[in-house]
N, C-alpha and C. Protein backbone atom coordinates (compact mmCIF):
# COMPACT_ATOMS: atom_id res chain seq x y z
N MET A 1 -7.64 -11.59 14.59
CA MET A 1 -7.35 -11.38 13.19
C MET A 1 -6.34 -10.23 13.07
N THR A 2 -5.68 -10.21 11.93
CA THR A 2 -4.64 -9.22 11.74
C THR A 2 -4.78 -8.52 10.39
N ASP A 3 -3.86 -7.64 10.16
CA ASP A 3 -3.78 -6.88 8.92
C ASP A 3 -2.58 -7.43 8.16
N ILE A 4 -2.80 -7.95 6.95
CA ILE A 4 -1.71 -8.55 6.19
C ILE A 4 -1.75 -8.05 4.76
N SER A 5 -0.56 -7.81 4.20
CA SER A 5 -0.46 -7.32 2.83
C SER A 5 0.31 -8.32 1.98
N PHE A 6 -0.20 -8.58 0.79
CA PHE A 6 0.44 -9.50 -0.13
C PHE A 6 0.98 -8.73 -1.32
N THR A 7 2.28 -8.93 -1.61
CA THR A 7 2.89 -8.30 -2.78
C THR A 7 3.39 -9.34 -3.78
N ASP A 8 3.45 -10.59 -3.34
CA ASP A 8 3.86 -11.68 -4.22
C ASP A 8 2.79 -11.89 -5.29
N ARG A 9 3.19 -11.87 -6.54
CA ARG A 9 2.26 -11.97 -7.67
C ARG A 9 1.37 -13.21 -7.58
N ASP A 10 1.94 -14.36 -7.26
CA ASP A 10 1.14 -15.59 -7.16
C ASP A 10 0.11 -15.50 -6.05
N LYS A 11 0.48 -14.89 -4.93
CA LYS A 11 -0.45 -14.76 -3.81
C LYS A 11 -1.56 -13.78 -4.15
N ILE A 12 -1.22 -12.70 -4.86
CA ILE A 12 -2.24 -11.73 -5.30
C ILE A 12 -3.26 -12.45 -6.18
N TYR A 13 -2.78 -13.22 -7.15
CA TYR A 13 -3.69 -13.98 -8.03
C TYR A 13 -4.56 -14.92 -7.22
N GLU A 14 -3.95 -15.59 -6.24
CA GLU A 14 -4.70 -16.54 -5.42
C GLU A 14 -5.83 -15.85 -4.65
N VAL A 15 -5.52 -14.70 -4.04
CA VAL A 15 -6.53 -13.96 -3.27
C VAL A 15 -7.65 -13.48 -4.19
N ILE A 16 -7.31 -12.89 -5.32
CA ILE A 16 -8.32 -12.39 -6.26
C ILE A 16 -9.14 -13.54 -6.84
N ASP A 17 -8.50 -14.67 -7.12
CA ASP A 17 -9.20 -15.83 -7.67
C ASP A 17 -10.21 -16.43 -6.70
N THR A 18 -10.15 -16.04 -5.44
CA THR A 18 -11.10 -16.52 -4.45
C THR A 18 -12.53 -16.11 -4.81
N SER A 19 -12.67 -14.99 -5.51
CA SER A 19 -14.00 -14.45 -5.82
C SER A 19 -14.15 -14.08 -7.29
N SER A 20 -15.05 -14.77 -7.96
CA SER A 20 -15.32 -14.43 -9.36
C SER A 20 -15.98 -13.05 -9.45
N ARG A 21 -16.74 -12.67 -8.43
CA ARG A 21 -17.40 -11.35 -8.44
C ARG A 21 -16.35 -10.24 -8.35
N LEU A 22 -15.37 -10.39 -7.48
CA LEU A 22 -14.30 -9.40 -7.36
C LEU A 22 -13.49 -9.32 -8.64
N LYS A 23 -13.16 -10.47 -9.22
CA LYS A 23 -12.42 -10.49 -10.49
C LYS A 23 -13.18 -9.75 -11.58
N TYR A 24 -14.50 -9.99 -11.65
CA TYR A 24 -15.34 -9.33 -12.64
C TYR A 24 -15.31 -7.80 -12.46
N LEU A 25 -15.50 -7.35 -11.22
CA LEU A 25 -15.49 -5.91 -10.95
C LEU A 25 -14.16 -5.26 -11.32
N LEU A 26 -13.07 -5.91 -10.94
CA LEU A 26 -11.76 -5.35 -11.25
C LEU A 26 -11.56 -5.23 -12.76
N LYS A 27 -11.97 -6.25 -13.49
CA LYS A 27 -11.75 -6.25 -14.94
C LYS A 27 -12.70 -5.33 -15.69
N PHE A 28 -13.99 -5.41 -15.40
CA PHE A 28 -14.97 -4.70 -16.21
C PHE A 28 -15.42 -3.36 -15.64
N THR A 29 -15.49 -3.23 -14.33
CA THR A 29 -15.93 -1.97 -13.73
C THR A 29 -14.76 -1.00 -13.57
N TYR A 30 -13.63 -1.53 -13.10
CA TYR A 30 -12.47 -0.67 -12.85
C TYR A 30 -11.41 -0.73 -13.95
N GLN A 31 -11.64 -1.58 -14.97
CA GLN A 31 -10.74 -1.70 -16.12
C GLN A 31 -9.31 -2.04 -15.71
N LEU A 32 -9.16 -2.98 -14.78
CA LEU A 32 -7.84 -3.41 -14.31
C LEU A 32 -7.59 -4.86 -14.71
N SER A 33 -6.36 -5.14 -15.06
CA SER A 33 -5.96 -6.53 -15.23
C SER A 33 -5.27 -6.96 -13.95
N LEU A 34 -5.11 -8.24 -13.76
CA LEU A 34 -4.42 -8.72 -12.57
C LEU A 34 -2.98 -8.23 -12.53
N ASP A 35 -2.40 -7.97 -13.68
CA ASP A 35 -1.02 -7.47 -13.74
C ASP A 35 -0.89 -6.03 -13.25
N ASP A 36 -2.02 -5.29 -13.23
CA ASP A 36 -2.00 -3.90 -12.73
C ASP A 36 -1.91 -3.84 -11.21
N ILE A 37 -2.25 -4.92 -10.54
CA ILE A 37 -2.32 -4.93 -9.08
C ILE A 37 -0.92 -5.17 -8.50
N VAL A 38 -0.51 -4.25 -7.61
CA VAL A 38 0.82 -4.39 -7.00
C VAL A 38 0.75 -4.99 -5.60
N SER A 39 -0.40 -4.85 -4.93
CA SER A 39 -0.55 -5.47 -3.62
C SER A 39 -2.02 -5.60 -3.26
N VAL A 40 -2.28 -6.54 -2.36
CA VAL A 40 -3.61 -6.72 -1.79
C VAL A 40 -3.44 -6.72 -0.28
N ARG A 41 -4.22 -5.87 0.38
CA ARG A 41 -4.17 -5.78 1.84
C ARG A 41 -5.48 -6.32 2.40
N VAL A 42 -5.37 -7.27 3.31
CA VAL A 42 -6.54 -7.85 3.95
C VAL A 42 -6.51 -7.44 5.41
N ASP A 43 -7.52 -6.69 5.82
CA ASP A 43 -7.61 -6.20 7.20
C ASP A 43 -8.66 -7.03 7.93
N GLY A 44 -8.19 -8.00 8.71
CA GLY A 44 -9.09 -8.90 9.41
C GLY A 44 -9.83 -8.25 10.56
N ASP A 45 -9.27 -7.20 11.15
CA ASP A 45 -9.92 -6.53 12.27
C ASP A 45 -11.10 -5.67 11.82
N ASN A 46 -10.98 -5.07 10.65
CA ASN A 46 -12.02 -4.17 10.15
C ASN A 46 -12.80 -4.74 8.97
N PHE A 47 -12.55 -5.98 8.63
CA PHE A 47 -13.24 -6.68 7.55
C PHE A 47 -13.25 -5.86 6.26
N LYS A 48 -12.04 -5.58 5.75
CA LYS A 48 -11.95 -4.87 4.48
C LYS A 48 -10.78 -5.40 3.67
N VAL A 49 -10.88 -5.20 2.36
CA VAL A 49 -9.83 -5.61 1.44
C VAL A 49 -9.47 -4.39 0.59
N ASP A 50 -8.18 -4.08 0.53
CA ASP A 50 -7.68 -2.98 -0.31
C ASP A 50 -6.89 -3.58 -1.46
N ILE A 51 -7.20 -3.15 -2.67
CA ILE A 51 -6.49 -3.55 -3.88
C ILE A 51 -5.69 -2.34 -4.33
N ASN A 52 -4.37 -2.48 -4.39
CA ASN A 52 -3.51 -1.35 -4.74
C ASN A 52 -2.88 -1.53 -6.12
N THR A 53 -2.92 -0.45 -6.90
CA THR A 53 -2.21 -0.39 -8.17
C THR A 53 -1.13 0.68 -8.02
N GLU A 54 -0.38 0.94 -9.07
CA GLU A 54 0.62 2.00 -9.03
C GLU A 54 -0.02 3.37 -8.79
N LYS A 55 -1.26 3.56 -9.28
CA LYS A 55 -1.90 4.87 -9.25
C LYS A 55 -3.05 5.00 -8.29
N ASP A 56 -3.61 3.89 -7.82
CA ASP A 56 -4.88 3.97 -7.11
C ASP A 56 -4.99 2.89 -6.05
N MET A 57 -5.93 3.10 -5.14
CA MET A 57 -6.27 2.11 -4.13
C MET A 57 -7.78 1.93 -4.14
N LEU A 58 -8.20 0.68 -4.26
CA LEU A 58 -9.62 0.37 -4.22
C LEU A 58 -9.91 -0.34 -2.91
N ARG A 59 -10.90 0.16 -2.18
CA ARG A 59 -11.26 -0.45 -0.89
C ARG A 59 -12.63 -1.09 -1.03
N PHE A 60 -12.74 -2.28 -0.46
CA PHE A 60 -14.00 -3.01 -0.43
C PHE A 60 -14.27 -3.40 1.01
N LYS A 61 -15.36 -2.84 1.59
CA LYS A 61 -15.69 -3.10 2.99
C LYS A 61 -17.18 -3.42 3.08
N PRO A 62 -17.51 -4.67 3.44
CA PRO A 62 -18.92 -5.03 3.55
C PRO A 62 -19.61 -4.29 4.70
N GLN A 63 -20.87 -3.99 4.48
CA GLN A 63 -21.73 -3.42 5.50
C GLN A 63 -22.94 -4.35 5.61
N GLY A 64 -22.91 -5.23 6.58
CA GLY A 64 -23.96 -6.24 6.68
C GLY A 64 -23.70 -7.32 5.65
N ILE A 65 -24.76 -7.99 5.23
CA ILE A 65 -24.59 -9.10 4.28
C ILE A 65 -24.98 -8.75 2.85
N GLU A 66 -25.46 -7.52 2.63
CA GLU A 66 -25.92 -7.17 1.28
C GLU A 66 -25.23 -5.97 0.66
N ASN A 67 -24.53 -5.18 1.44
CA ASN A 67 -23.97 -3.94 0.93
C ASN A 67 -22.45 -3.90 1.11
N VAL A 68 -21.81 -3.12 0.25
CA VAL A 68 -20.37 -2.95 0.29
C VAL A 68 -20.04 -1.48 0.08
N ILE A 69 -19.14 -0.96 0.91
CA ILE A 69 -18.60 0.37 0.65
C ILE A 69 -17.46 0.17 -0.35
N MET A 70 -17.58 0.84 -1.50
CA MET A 70 -16.58 0.69 -2.56
C MET A 70 -16.52 1.98 -3.37
N LYS A 71 -15.45 2.14 -4.11
CA LYS A 71 -15.22 3.34 -4.90
C LYS A 71 -16.10 3.33 -6.15
N ASN A 72 -16.79 4.43 -6.36
CA ASN A 72 -17.54 4.61 -7.60
C ASN A 72 -16.52 4.92 -8.69
N PRO A 73 -16.47 4.10 -9.76
CA PRO A 73 -15.44 4.31 -10.79
C PRO A 73 -15.60 5.63 -11.56
N GLU A 74 -16.80 6.19 -11.58
CA GLU A 74 -17.02 7.43 -12.31
C GLU A 74 -16.65 8.66 -11.50
N THR A 75 -16.98 8.65 -10.20
CA THR A 75 -16.74 9.83 -9.37
C THR A 75 -15.48 9.70 -8.52
N GLY A 76 -15.04 8.47 -8.26
CA GLY A 76 -13.88 8.25 -7.41
C GLY A 76 -14.20 8.34 -5.92
N ILE A 77 -15.47 8.45 -5.59
CA ILE A 77 -15.90 8.61 -4.21
C ILE A 77 -16.39 7.27 -3.66
N LEU A 78 -16.06 6.99 -2.41
CA LEU A 78 -16.57 5.78 -1.77
C LEU A 78 -18.07 5.90 -1.58
N GLN A 79 -18.78 4.81 -1.89
CA GLN A 79 -20.23 4.83 -1.73
C GLN A 79 -20.73 3.46 -1.30
N LEU A 80 -21.91 3.45 -0.70
CA LEU A 80 -22.54 2.21 -0.29
C LEU A 80 -23.26 1.62 -1.50
N THR A 81 -22.91 0.37 -1.84
CA THR A 81 -23.46 -0.28 -3.03
C THR A 81 -24.11 -1.60 -2.65
N PHE A 82 -25.30 -1.85 -3.17
CA PHE A 82 -25.98 -3.13 -2.95
C PHE A 82 -25.30 -4.18 -3.82
N ASP A 83 -24.62 -5.13 -3.17
CA ASP A 83 -23.94 -6.20 -3.89
C ASP A 83 -23.70 -7.37 -2.93
N PRO A 84 -24.75 -8.18 -2.69
CA PRO A 84 -24.63 -9.29 -1.73
C PRO A 84 -23.51 -10.27 -2.08
N ALA A 85 -23.29 -10.54 -3.36
CA ALA A 85 -22.24 -11.49 -3.77
C ALA A 85 -20.86 -10.97 -3.40
N LEU A 86 -20.63 -9.68 -3.61
CA LEU A 86 -19.34 -9.09 -3.26
C LEU A 86 -19.16 -9.03 -1.75
N ALA A 87 -20.21 -8.69 -1.02
CA ALA A 87 -20.12 -8.65 0.44
C ALA A 87 -19.69 -10.02 0.97
N GLN A 88 -20.32 -11.07 0.49
CA GLN A 88 -19.96 -12.42 0.94
C GLN A 88 -18.53 -12.77 0.53
N ALA A 89 -18.14 -12.36 -0.67
CA ALA A 89 -16.78 -12.64 -1.16
C ALA A 89 -15.73 -11.97 -0.27
N ILE A 90 -15.99 -10.73 0.13
CA ILE A 90 -15.03 -10.02 0.98
C ILE A 90 -14.93 -10.71 2.34
N TYR A 91 -16.08 -11.10 2.90
CA TYR A 91 -16.05 -11.84 4.17
C TYR A 91 -15.23 -13.13 4.02
N ASN A 92 -15.41 -13.83 2.90
CA ASN A 92 -14.67 -15.07 2.67
C ASN A 92 -13.17 -14.83 2.56
N ILE A 93 -12.77 -13.77 1.85
CA ILE A 93 -11.36 -13.44 1.70
C ILE A 93 -10.75 -13.09 3.06
N VAL A 94 -11.46 -12.28 3.84
CA VAL A 94 -10.97 -11.90 5.16
C VAL A 94 -10.86 -13.14 6.05
N ASP A 95 -11.85 -14.00 5.96
CA ASP A 95 -11.84 -15.24 6.74
C ASP A 95 -10.64 -16.11 6.40
N GLU A 96 -10.36 -16.23 5.11
CA GLU A 96 -9.29 -17.13 4.65
C GLU A 96 -7.90 -16.54 4.80
N TYR A 97 -7.77 -15.22 4.54
CA TYR A 97 -6.43 -14.63 4.48
C TYR A 97 -6.16 -13.59 5.57
N GLY A 98 -7.16 -13.27 6.37
CA GLY A 98 -7.02 -12.20 7.37
C GLY A 98 -6.24 -12.56 8.61
N GLY A 99 -5.63 -13.69 8.63
CA GLY A 99 -4.78 -14.05 9.76
C GLY A 99 -5.49 -14.85 10.72
């Protein structure tokens, strides 16, 4: 597996559309629209997805099948969060787009 970054708007939409859970978090938890996203990086070696905007980078890295390391929107600190749906979604994205 490899590390690949997508900057093409259509490809960004395609990657994000892979997971309704990720779309929900971006829109309602992080207050981002798809137009705010400038790139998506899929790291197949480390099983993580980075969502980049002009101002910020959000990292999603599953830990097992139930937890995800992700940024707390209130503190800005990475934390372990129980979210089995997101963990599976990240694995699926890495599987499909990670090279």
